[in-house]
Amino acid sequence: MSLLGSVLGFAMLVGFLLTTGLLTVITGGAVAYAATQNRNN
């Protein structure tokens, strides 16, 4: 039971970090794209 809880908590933590990292990359990419478009104009 304790092991299952630890694995579940670890899985949730990894999922959270992956989701946060993905959102950060998407946001960074969008900002960089917008900055590039503004510079071209």
Protein backbone atom coordinates (compact mmCIF):
# COMPACT_ATOMS: atom_id res chain seq x y z
CA MET A 1 0.00 0.00 0.00
CA SER A 2 2.79 2.40 0.93
CA LEU A 3 4.77 1.40 -2.15
CA LEU A 4 1.71 1.91 -4.35
CA GLY A 5 1.20 5.37 -2.85
CA SER A 6 4.83 6.27 -3.45
CA VAL A 7 4.69 5.11 -7.08
CA LEU A 8 1.41 6.96 -7.63
CA GLY A 9 2.79 10.14 -6.09
CA PHE A 10 5.96 9.85 -8.18
CA ALA A 11 3.91 9.32 -11.35
CA MET A 12 1.79 12.38 -10.56
CA LEU A 13 4.91 14.46 -9.89
CA VAL A 14 6.54 13.38 -13.17
CA GLY A 15 3.30 14.05 -15.07
CA PHE A 16 3.02 17.49 -13.48
CA LEU A 17 6.63 18.36 -14.35
CA LEU A 18 6.20 17.14 -17.93
CA THR A 19 2.98 19.15 -18.34
CA THR A 20 4.55 22.29 -16.86
CA GLY A 21 7.65 21.90 -19.02
CA LEU A 22 5.53 21.39 -22.13
CA LEU A 23 3.45 24.50 -21.38
CA THR A 24 6.63 26.48 -20.75
CA VAL A 25 8.11 25.38 -24.09
CA ILE A 26 4.87 26.19 -25.94
CA THR A 27 4.61 29.61 -24.27
CA GLY A 28 8.28 30.36 -24.95
CA GLY A 29 7.90 29.29 -28.57
CA ALA A 30 4.81 31.46 -29.02
CA VAL A 31 6.54 34.48 -27.49
CA ALA A 32 9.65 33.96 -29.62
CA TYR A 33 7.47 33.55 -32.74
CA ALA A 34 5.55 36.75 -31.96
CA ALA A 35 8.80 38.64 -31.33
CA THR A 36 10.18 37.42 -34.66
CA GLN A 37 7.02 38.45 -36.51
CA ASN A 38 7.12 41.91 -34.93
CA ARG A 39 10.79 42.29 -35.84
CA ASN A 40 10.11 41.32 -39.45
CA ASN A 41 7.34 43.88 -39.67
